[in-house]
PDB file of all heavy atoms in Angstrom:
ATOM      1  N   GLU A   1     -20.898   2.251  -8.615  1.00  0.00           N
ATOM      2  CA  GLU A   1     -20.346   3.015  -9.797  1.00  0.00           C
ATOM      3  C   GLU A   1     -20.711   4.470  -9.709  1.00  0.00           C
ATOM      4  O   GLU A   1     -21.921   4.772  -9.610  1.00  0.00           O
ATOM      5  CB  GLU A   1     -20.930   2.391 -11.074  1.00  0.00           C
ATOM      6  CG  GLU A   1     -20.229   1.062 -11.394  1.00  0.00           C
ATOM      7  CD  GLU A   1     -20.527   0.651 -12.867  1.00  0.00           C
ATOM      8  OE1 GLU A   1     -20.456   1.544 -13.722  1.00  0.00           O
ATOM      9  OE2 GLU A   1     -20.645  -0.495 -13.118  1.00  0.00           O
ATOM     10  N   GLY A   2     -19.731   5.316  -9.692  1.00  0.00           N
ATOM     11  CA  GLY A   2     -19.929   6.814  -9.662  1.00  0.00           C
ATOM     12  C   GLY A   2     -19.813   7.325 -11.091  1.00  0.00           C
ATOM     13  O   GLY A   2     -19.520   6.570 -12.029  1.00  0.00           O
ATOM     14  N   GLU A   3     -20.054   8.586 -11.284  1.00  0.00           N
ATOM     15  CA  GLU A   3     -19.969   9.236 -12.563  1.00  0.00           C
ATOM     16  C   GLU A   3     -18.635   9.210 -13.132  1.00  0.00           C
ATOM     17  O   GLU A   3     -18.483   8.951 -14.339  1.00  0.00           O
ATOM     18  CB  GLU A   3     -20.431  10.698 -12.425  1.00  0.00           C
ATOM     19  CG  GLU A   3     -20.526  11.431 -13.727  1.00  0.00           C
ATOM     20  CD  GLU A   3     -20.993  12.804 -13.572  1.00  0.00           C
ATOM     21  OE1 GLU A   3     -21.946  13.072 -12.818  1.00  0.00           O
ATOM     22  OE2 GLU A   3     -20.444  13.729 -14.247  1.00  0.00           O
ATOM     23  N   ASP A   4     -17.550   9.278 -12.274  1.00  0.00           N
ATOM     24  CA  ASP A   4     -16.235   9.280 -12.790  1.00  0.00           C
ATOM     25  C   ASP A   4     -15.265   8.344 -11.945  1.00  0.00           C
ATOM     26  O   ASP A   4     -14.050   8.581 -11.943  1.00  0.00           O
ATOM     27  CB  ASP A   4     -15.745  10.730 -12.769  1.00  0.00           C
ATOM     28  CG  ASP A   4     -15.559  11.280 -11.422  1.00  0.00           C
ATOM     29  OD1 ASP A   4     -16.141  10.697 -10.436  1.00  0.00           O
ATOM     30  OD2 ASP A   4     -14.991  12.451 -11.264  1.00  0.00           O
ATOM     31  N   LYS A   5     -15.874   7.350 -11.353  1.00  0.00           N
ATOM     32  CA  LYS A   5     -15.014   6.349 -10.634  1.00  0.00           C
ATOM     33  C   LYS A   5     -15.898   5.210 -10.166  1.00  0.00           C
ATOM     34  O   LYS A   5     -17.087   5.265 -10.352  1.00  0.00           O
ATOM     35  CB  LYS A   5     -14.496   7.065  -9.371  1.00  0.00           C
ATOM     36  CG  LYS A   5     -15.529   7.466  -8.340  1.00  0.00           C
ATOM     37  CD  LYS A   5     -14.943   8.192  -7.100  1.00  0.00           C
ATOM     38  CE  LYS A   5     -14.466   9.507  -7.269  1.00  0.00           C
ATOM     39  NZ  LYS A   5     -15.275  10.565  -7.658  1.00  0.00           N
ATOM     40  N   VAL A   6     -15.251   4.185  -9.679  1.00  0.00           N
ATOM     41  CA  VAL A   6     -15.939   3.062  -9.193  1.00  0.00           C
ATOM     42  C   VAL A   6     -15.296   2.799  -7.723  1.00  0.00           C
ATOM     43  O   VAL A   6     -14.194   3.154  -7.460  1.00  0.00           O
ATOM     44  CB  VAL A   6     -15.747   1.732  -9.951  1.00  0.00           C
ATOM     45  CG1 VAL A   6     -16.494   1.922 -11.353  1.00  0.00           C
ATOM     46  CG2 VAL A   6     -14.364   1.334 -10.114  1.00  0.00           C
ATOM     47  N   VAL A   7     -16.122   2.128  -6.919  1.00  0.00           N
ATOM     48  CA  VAL A   7     -15.632   1.815  -5.541  1.00  0.00           C
ATOM     49  C   VAL A   7     -15.873   0.335  -5.304  1.00  0.00           C
ATOM     50  O   VAL A   7     -16.902  -0.163  -5.706  1.00  0.00           O
ATOM     51  CB  VAL A   7     -16.397   2.665  -4.515  1.00  0.00           C
ATOM     52  CG1 VAL A   7     -15.895   2.391  -3.126  1.00  0.00           C
ATOM     53  CG2 VAL A   7     -16.394   4.169  -4.799  1.00  0.00           C
ATOM     54  N   CYS A   8     -14.803  -0.234  -4.732  1.00  0.00           N
ATOM     55  CA  CYS A   8     -14.948  -1.669  -4.432  1.00  0.00           C
ATOM     56  C   CYS A   8     -14.298  -1.861  -2.982  1.00  0.00           C
ATOM     57  O   CYS A   8     -13.667  -1.063  -2.436  1.00  0.00           O
ATOM     58  CB  CYS A   8     -14.212  -2.538  -5.428  1.00  0.00           C
ATOM     59  SG  CYS A   8     -12.438  -2.222  -5.563  1.00  0.00           S
ATOM     60  N   GLY A   9     -14.454  -3.118  -2.524  1.00  0.00           N
ATOM     61  CA  GLY A   9     -13.976  -3.414  -1.174  1.00  0.00           C
ATOM     62  C   GLY A   9     -12.585  -4.022  -1.157  1.00  0.00           C
ATOM     63  O   GLY A   9     -11.957  -4.144  -0.131  1.00  0.00           O
ATOM     64  N   ARG A  10     -12.110  -4.415  -2.304  1.00  0.00           N
ATOM     65  CA  ARG A  10     -10.728  -5.083  -2.416  1.00  0.00           C
ATOM     66  C   ARG A  10     -10.195  -4.853  -3.733  1.00  0.00           C
ATOM     67  O   ARG A  10     -10.751  -5.072  -4.813  1.00  0.00           O
ATOM     68  CB  ARG A  10     -10.894  -6.573  -2.168  1.00  0.00           C
ATOM     69  CG  ARG A  10      -9.605  -7.216  -1.942  1.00  0.00           C
ATOM     70  CD  ARG A  10      -9.742  -8.410  -0.837  1.00  0.00           C
ATOM     71  NE  ARG A  10      -8.457  -8.904  -0.574  1.00  0.00           N
ATOM     72  CZ  ARG A  10      -8.014 -10.083  -0.808  1.00  0.00           C
ATOM     73  NH1 ARG A  10      -8.697 -10.990  -1.463  1.00  0.00           N
ATOM     74  NH2 ARG A  10      -6.777 -10.491  -0.401  1.00  0.00           N
ATOM     75  N   ALA A  11      -8.920  -4.433  -3.752  1.00  0.00           N
ATOM     76  CA  ALA A  11      -8.129  -4.120  -4.998  1.00  0.00           C
ATOM     77  C   ALA A  11      -6.683  -4.223  -4.853  1.00  0.00           C
ATOM     78  O   ALA A  11      -6.200  -4.366  -3.750  1.00  0.00           O
ATOM     79  CB  ALA A  11      -8.525  -2.650  -5.486  1.00  0.00           C
ATOM     80  N   ARG A  12      -5.998  -4.254  -5.932  1.00  0.00           N
ATOM     81  CA  ARG A  12      -4.560  -4.236  -5.928  1.00  0.00           C
ATOM     82  C   ARG A  12      -4.103  -3.566  -7.205  1.00  0.00           C
ATOM     83  O   ARG A  12      -4.792  -3.489  -8.195  1.00  0.00           O
ATOM     84  CB  ARG A  12      -3.973  -5.552  -5.860  1.00  0.00           C
ATOM     85  CG  ARG A  12      -4.182  -6.471  -7.064  1.00  0.00           C
ATOM     86  CD  ARG A  12      -3.471  -7.854  -6.908  1.00  0.00           C
ATOM     87  NE  ARG A  12      -3.797  -8.702  -8.003  1.00  0.00           N
ATOM     88  CZ  ARG A  12      -3.404  -9.898  -8.079  1.00  0.00           C
ATOM     89  NH1 ARG A  12      -2.491 -10.388  -7.169  1.00  0.00           N
ATOM     90  NH2 ARG A  12      -3.610 -10.722  -9.130  1.00  0.00           N
ATOM     91  N   ILE A  13      -2.867  -2.931  -7.174  1.00  0.00           N
ATOM     92  CA  ILE A  13      -2.231  -2.368  -8.290  1.00  0.00           C
ATOM     93  C   ILE A  13      -1.266  -3.412  -8.821  1.00  0.00           C
ATOM     94  O   ILE A  13      -0.664  -4.185  -8.104  1.00  0.00           O
ATOM     95  CB  ILE A  13      -1.542  -1.083  -7.966  1.00  0.00           C
ATOM     96  CG1 ILE A  13      -0.490  -1.190  -6.924  1.00  0.00           C
ATOM     97  CG2 ILE A  13      -2.550  -0.009  -7.537  1.00  0.00           C
ATOM     98  CD1 ILE A  13       0.453  -0.026  -6.666  1.00  0.00           C
ATOM     99  N   VAL A  14      -1.210  -3.511 -10.225  1.00  0.00           N
ATOM    100  CA  VAL A  14      -0.467  -4.586 -10.811  1.00  0.00           C
ATOM    101  C   VAL A  14       0.596  -4.128 -11.813  1.00  0.00           C
ATOM    102  O   VAL A  14       1.558  -4.833 -11.979  1.00  0.00           O
ATOM    103  CB  VAL A  14      -1.405  -5.596 -11.568  1.00  0.00           C
ATOM    104  CG1 VAL A  14      -2.175  -6.322 -10.501  1.00  0.00           C
ATOM    105  CG2 VAL A  14      -2.320  -4.978 -12.551  1.00  0.00           C
ATOM    106  N   GLU A  15       0.482  -2.994 -12.408  1.00  0.00           N
ATOM    107  CA  GLU A  15       1.446  -2.570 -13.413  1.00  0.00           C
ATOM    108  C   GLU A  15       1.457  -1.041 -13.578  1.00  0.00           C
ATOM    109  O   GLU A  15       0.386  -0.421 -13.683  1.00  0.00           O
ATOM    110  CB  GLU A  15       1.069  -3.185 -14.798  1.00  0.00           C
ATOM    111  CG  GLU A  15       2.000  -2.714 -15.886  1.00  0.00           C
ATOM    112  CD  GLU A  15       1.556  -3.152 -17.304  1.00  0.00           C
ATOM    113  OE1 GLU A  15       0.506  -3.789 -17.431  1.00  0.00           O
ATOM    114  OE2 GLU A  15       2.293  -2.939 -18.224  1.00  0.00           O
ATOM    115  N   ARG A  16       2.627  -0.429 -13.360  1.00  0.00           N
ATOM    116  CA  ARG A  16       2.783   1.018 -13.512  1.00  0.00           C
ATOM    117  C   ARG A  16       2.766   1.305 -14.965  1.00  0.00           C
ATOM    118  O   ARG A  16       3.521   0.662 -15.792  1.00  0.00           O
ATOM    119  CB  ARG A  16       4.074   1.545 -12.806  1.00  0.00           C
ATOM    120  CG  ARG A  16       4.028   3.020 -12.939  1.00  0.00           C
ATOM    121  CD  ARG A  16       5.044   3.625 -12.044  1.00  0.00           C
ATOM    122  NE  ARG A  16       5.019   5.041 -12.234  1.00  0.00           N
ATOM    123  CZ  ARG A  16       5.790   5.882 -11.558  1.00  0.00           C
ATOM    124  NH1 ARG A  16       6.493   5.469 -10.548  1.00  0.00           N
ATOM    125  NH2 ARG A  16       5.776   7.129 -11.790  1.00  0.00           N
ATOM    126  N   LEU A  17       1.928   2.265 -15.370  1.00  0.00           N
ATOM    127  CA  LEU A  17       1.877   2.617 -16.811  1.00  0.00           C
ATOM    128  C   LEU A  17       2.900   3.690 -17.158  1.00  0.00           C
ATOM    129  O   LEU A  17       3.456   4.404 -16.306  1.00  0.00           O
ATOM    130  CB  LEU A  17       0.481   3.150 -17.095  1.00  0.00           C
ATOM    131  CG  LEU A  17      -0.682   2.191 -16.839  1.00  0.00           C
ATOM    132  CD1 LEU A  17      -2.005   2.728 -17.189  1.00  0.00           C
ATOM    133  CD2 LEU A  17      -0.368   0.868 -17.511  1.00  0.00           C
ATOM    134  N   ALA A  18       3.159   3.872 -18.478  1.00  0.00           N
ATOM    135  CA  ALA A  18       4.128   4.849 -18.963  1.00  0.00           C
ATOM    136  C   ALA A  18       3.604   6.215 -18.812  1.00  0.00           C
ATOM    137  O   ALA A  18       3.189   6.831 -19.782  1.00  0.00           O
ATOM    138  CB  ALA A  18       4.497   4.500 -20.398  1.00  0.00           C
ATOM    139  N   TRP A  19       3.700   6.751 -17.604  1.00  0.00           N
ATOM    140  CA  TRP A  19       3.299   8.169 -17.312  1.00  0.00           C
ATOM    141  C   TRP A  19       4.400   8.834 -16.486  1.00  0.00           C
ATOM    142  O   TRP A  19       4.724   8.257 -15.379  1.00  0.00           O
ATOM    143  CB  TRP A  19       1.961   8.158 -16.592  1.00  0.00           C
ATOM    144  CG  TRP A  19       1.467   9.491 -16.150  1.00  0.00           C
ATOM    145  CD1 TRP A  19       1.492  10.012 -14.868  1.00  0.00           C
ATOM    146  CD2 TRP A  19       0.746  10.419 -17.047  1.00  0.00           C
ATOM    147  NE1 TRP A  19       0.840  11.328 -15.008  1.00  0.00           N
ATOM    148  CE2 TRP A  19       0.469  11.475 -16.243  1.00  0.00           C
ATOM    149  CE3 TRP A  19       0.509  10.409 -18.365  1.00  0.00           C
ATOM    150  CZ2 TRP A  19      -0.214  12.721 -16.768  1.00  0.00           C
ATOM    151  CZ3 TRP A  19      -0.201  11.581 -18.874  1.00  0.00           C
ATOM    152  CH2 TRP A  19      -0.530  12.651 -18.151  1.00  0.00           C
ATOM    153  N   ASP A  20       4.932   9.891 -16.977  1.00  0.00           N
ATOM    154  CA  ASP A  20       5.934  10.622 -16.231  1.00  0.00           C
ATOM    155  C   ASP A  20       5.816  12.103 -16.617  1.00  0.00           C
ATOM    156  O   ASP A  20       4.907  12.469 -17.276  1.00  0.00           O
ATOM    157  CB  ASP A  20       7.320  10.048 -16.584  1.00  0.00           C
ATOM    158  CG  ASP A  20       7.671  10.120 -18.048  1.00  0.00           C
ATOM    159  OD1 ASP A  20       7.080  10.855 -18.855  1.00  0.00           O
ATOM    160  OD2 ASP A  20       8.578   9.315 -18.425  1.00  0.00           O
ATOM    161  N   ALA A  21       6.711  12.862 -16.087  1.00  0.00           N
ATOM    162  CA  ALA A  21       6.672  14.414 -16.285  1.00  0.00           C
ATOM    163  C   ALA A  21       6.757  14.708 -17.799  1.00  0.00           C
ATOM    164  O   ALA A  21       6.037  15.571 -18.283  1.00  0.00           O
ATOM    165  CB  ALA A  21       7.808  15.036 -15.576  1.00  0.00           C
ATOM    166  N   ARG A  22       7.535  13.928 -18.579  1.00  0.00           N
ATOM    167  CA  ARG A  22       7.621  14.294 -20.005  1.00  0.00           C
ATOM    168  C   ARG A  22       6.371  13.947 -20.773  1.00  0.00           C
ATOM    169  O   ARG A  22       5.816  14.782 -21.526  1.00  0.00           O
ATOM    170  CB  ARG A  22       8.797  13.518 -20.658  1.00  0.00           C
ATOM    171  CG  ARG A  22       8.940  13.730 -22.139  1.00  0.00           C
ATOM    172  CD  ARG A  22      10.017  12.786 -22.789  1.00  0.00           C
ATOM    173  NE  ARG A  22       9.510  11.401 -22.804  1.00  0.00           N
ATOM    174  CZ  ARG A  22       8.648  10.899 -23.737  1.00  0.00           C
ATOM    175  NH1 ARG A  22       8.305  11.715 -24.701  1.00  0.00           N
ATOM    176  NH2 ARG A  22       8.278   9.642 -23.694  1.00  0.00           N
ATOM    177  N   ILE A  23       5.760  12.824 -20.447  1.00  0.00           N
ATOM    178  CA  ILE A  23       4.486  12.393 -21.126  1.00  0.00           C
ATOM    179  C   ILE A  23       3.360  13.418 -20.638  1.00  0.00           C
ATOM    180  O   ILE A  23       2.547  13.786 -21.469  1.00  0.00           O
ATOM    181  CB  ILE A  23       4.067  10.967 -20.877  1.00  0.00           C
ATOM    182  CG1 ILE A  23       5.170  10.114 -21.546  1.00  0.00           C
ATOM    183  CG2 ILE A  23       2.730  10.597 -21.336  1.00  0.00           C
ATOM    184  CD1 ILE A  23       5.103   8.608 -21.284  1.00  0.00           C
ATOM    185  N   ALA A  24       3.359  13.680 -19.314  1.00  0.00           N
ATOM    186  CA  ALA A  24       2.309  14.672 -18.865  1.00  0.00           C
ATOM    187  C   ALA A  24       2.472  16.043 -19.592  1.00  0.00           C
ATOM    188  O   ALA A  24       1.438  16.602 -19.920  1.00  0.00           O
ATOM    189  CB  ALA A  24       2.421  14.853 -17.417  1.00  0.00           C
ATOM    190  N   ARG A  25       3.630  16.440 -19.753  1.00  0.00           N
ATOM    191  CA  ARG A  25       3.920  17.712 -20.532  1.00  0.00           C
ATOM    192  C   ARG A  25       3.434  17.657 -21.887  1.00  0.00           C
ATOM    193  O   ARG A  25       2.777  18.553 -22.442  1.00  0.00           O
ATOM    194  CB  ARG A  25       5.388  18.045 -20.460  1.00  0.00           C
ATOM    195  CG  ARG A  25       5.820  19.494 -20.656  1.00  0.00           C
ATOM    196  CD  ARG A  25       7.311  19.707 -20.482  1.00  0.00           C
ATOM    197  NE  ARG A  25       8.136  18.914 -21.376  1.00  0.00           N
ATOM    198  CZ  ARG A  25       8.950  17.894 -21.036  1.00  0.00           C
ATOM    199  NH1 ARG A  25       9.118  17.662 -19.739  1.00  0.00           N
ATOM    200  NH2 ARG A  25       9.681  17.265 -21.929  1.00  0.00           N
ATOM    201  N   LEU A  26       3.713  16.544 -22.642  1.00  0.00           N
ATOM    202  CA  LEU A  26       3.270  16.378 -24.025  1.00  0.00           C
ATOM    203  C   LEU A  26       1.728  16.305 -24.055  1.00  0.00           C
ATOM    204  O   LEU A  26       1.101  16.927 -24.983  1.00  0.00           O
ATOM    205  CB  LEU A  26       3.937  15.195 -24.689  1.00  0.00           C
ATOM    206  CG  LEU A  26       5.450  15.200 -24.799  1.00  0.00           C
ATOM    207  CD1 LEU A  26       5.988  13.869 -25.287  1.00  0.00           C
ATOM    208  CD2 LEU A  26       5.785  16.304 -25.791  1.00  0.00           C
ATOM    209  N   PHE A  27       1.150  15.608 -23.177  1.00  0.00           N
ATOM    210  CA  PHE A  27      -0.340  15.459 -23.084  1.00  0.00           C
ATOM    211  C   PHE A  27      -0.966  16.813 -22.851  1.00  0.00           C
ATOM    212  O   PHE A  27      -1.874  17.234 -23.565  1.00  0.00           O
ATOM    213  CB  PHE A  27      -0.781  14.450 -22.081  1.00  0.00           C
ATOM    214  CG  PHE A  27      -2.221  14.336 -21.971  1.00  0.00           C
ATOM    215  CD1 PHE A  27      -3.036  13.850 -23.023  1.00  0.00           C
ATOM    216  CD2 PHE A  27      -2.887  14.746 -20.808  1.00  0.00           C
ATOM    217  CE1 PHE A  27      -4.397  13.769 -22.903  1.00  0.00           C
ATOM    218  CE2 PHE A  27      -4.239  14.678 -20.686  1.00  0.00           C
ATOM    219  CZ  PHE A  27      -5.076  14.144 -21.679  1.00  0.00           C
ATOM    220  N   ALA A  28      -0.370  17.617 -21.874  1.00  0.00           N
ATOM    221  CA  ALA A  28      -0.969  18.963 -21.663  1.00  0.00           C
ATOM    222  C   ALA A  28      -0.714  19.854 -22.896  1.00  0.00           C
ATOM    223  O   ALA A  28      -1.687  20.621 -23.176  1.00  0.00           O
ATOM    224  CB  ALA A  28      -0.197  19.513 -20.443  1.00  0.00           C
ATOM    225  N   ALA A  29       0.371  19.744 -23.579  1.00  0.00           N
ATOM    226  CA  ALA A  29       0.591  20.535 -24.755  1.00  0.00           C
ATOM    227  C   ALA A  29      -0.449  20.256 -25.881  1.00  0.00           C
ATOM    228  O   ALA A  29      -0.982  21.120 -26.526  1.00  0.00           O
ATOM    229  CB  ALA A  29       1.987  20.331 -25.304  1.00  0.00           C
ATOM    230  N   ASP A  30      -0.741  18.920 -26.026  1.00  0.00           N
ATOM    231  CA  ASP A  30      -1.764  18.487 -26.963  1.00  0.00           C
ATOM    232  C   ASP A  30      -3.157  19.087 -26.595  1.00  0.00           C
ATOM    233  O   ASP A  30      -3.832  19.554 -27.548  1.00  0.00           O
ATOM    234  CB  ASP A  30      -1.838  16.980 -27.061  1.00  0.00           C
ATOM    235  CG  ASP A  30      -0.608  16.242 -27.608  1.00  0.00           C
ATOM    236  OD1 ASP A  30       0.145  16.981 -28.168  1.00  0.00           O
ATOM    237  OD2 ASP A  30      -0.609  14.991 -27.458  1.00  0.00           O
ATOM    238  N   CYS A  31      -3.464  19.019 -25.337  1.00  0.00           N
ATOM    239  CA  CYS A  31      -4.782  19.566 -24.969  1.00  0.00           C
ATOM    240  C   CYS A  31      -4.865  20.992 -25.180  1.00  0.00           C
ATOM    241  O   CYS A  31      -5.868  21.585 -25.616  1.00  0.00           O
ATOM    242  CB  CYS A  31      -5.119  19.078 -23.482  1.00  0.00           C
ATOM    243  SG  CYS A  31      -5.343  17.343 -23.303  1.00  0.00           S
ATOM    244  N   ALA A  32      -3.745  21.759 -24.741  1.00  0.00           N
ATOM    245  CA  ALA A  32      -3.782  23.181 -24.824  1.00  0.00           C
ATOM    246  C   ALA A  32      -3.825  23.606 -26.311  1.00  0.00           C
ATOM    247  O   ALA A  32      -4.472  24.598 -26.670  1.00  0.00           O
ATOM    248  CB  ALA A  32      -2.491  23.775 -24.212  1.00  0.00           C
ATOM    249  N   GLU A  33      -3.132  22.898 -27.139  1.00  0.00           N
ATOM    250  CA  GLU A  33      -3.110  23.261 -28.603  1.00  0.00           C
ATOM    251  C   GLU A  33      -4.509  23.262 -29.195  1.00  0.00           C
ATOM    252  O   GLU A  33      -4.835  23.922 -30.073  1.00  0.00           O
ATOM    253  CB  GLU A  33      -2.136  22.341 -29.353  1.00  0.00           C
ATOM    254  CG  GLU A  33      -1.782  22.827 -30.707  1.00  0.00           C
ATOM    255  CD  GLU A  33      -0.614  22.034 -31.240  1.00  0.00           C
ATOM    256  OE1 GLU A  33      -0.646  20.822 -31.302  1.00  0.00           O
ATOM    257  OE2 GLU A  33       0.288  22.724 -31.775  1.00  0.00           O
ATOM    258  N   ARG A  34      -5.338  22.315 -28.660  1.00  0.00           N
ATOM    259  CA  ARG A  34      -6.696  22.084 -29.206  1.00  0.00           C
ATOM    260  C   ARG A  34      -7.564  23.413 -28.977  1.00  0.00           C
ATOM    261  O   ARG A  34      -8.494  23.667 -29.701  1.00  0.00           O
ATOM    262  CB  ARG A  34      -7.351  20.943 -28.617  1.00  0.00           C
ATOM    263  CG  ARG A  34      -6.936  19.679 -29.266  1.00  0.00           C
ATOM    264  CD  ARG A  34      -7.611  18.452 -28.732  1.00  0.00           C
ATOM    265  NE  ARG A  34      -9.027  18.383 -28.730  1.00  0.00           N
ATOM    266  CZ  ARG A  34      -9.738  18.039 -29.825  1.00  0.00           C
ATOM    267  NH1 ARG A  34      -9.115  17.598 -30.933  1.00  0.00           N
ATOM    268  NH2 ARG A  34     -11.033  17.939 -29.878  1.00  0.00           N
ATOM    269  N   VAL A  35      -7.304  24.141 -27.913  1.00  0.00           N
ATOM    270  CA  VAL A  35      -8.015  25.373 -27.677  1.00  0.00           C
ATOM    271  C   VAL A  35      -7.230  26.692 -27.990  1.00  0.00           C
ATOM    272  O   VAL A  35      -7.703  27.769 -27.835  1.00  0.00           O
ATOM    273  CB  VAL A  35      -8.501  25.453 -26.209  1.00  0.00           C
ATOM    274  CG1 VAL A  35      -9.518  24.315 -25.874  1.00  0.00           C
ATOM    275  CG2 VAL A  35      -7.271  25.465 -25.243  1.00  0.00           C
ATOM    276  N   LEU A  36      -6.042  26.469 -28.516  1.00  0.00           N
ATOM    277  CA  LEU A  36      -5.187  27.666 -28.741  1.00  0.00           C
ATOM    278  C   LEU A  36      -5.864  28.661 -29.729  1.00  0.00           C
ATOM    279  O   LEU A  36      -5.728  29.814 -29.656  1.00  0.00           O
ATOM    280  CB  LEU A  36      -3.828  27.175 -29.306  1.00  0.00           C
ATOM    281  CG  LEU A  36      -2.807  28.253 -29.448  1.00  0.00           C
ATOM    282  CD1 LEU A  36      -2.484  28.864 -28.085  1.00  0.00           C
ATOM    283  CD2 LEU A  36      -1.446  27.560 -29.949  1.00  0.00           C
TER     284      LEU A  36
END
């Protein structure tokens, strides 16, 4: 276990989450607005 990640010897991906350019843009706008 690292500070911001974990490491293992075997893994798999199972489901793609709802993350795309539009959601990334909205999330960035939310974060930027907090320091505006």
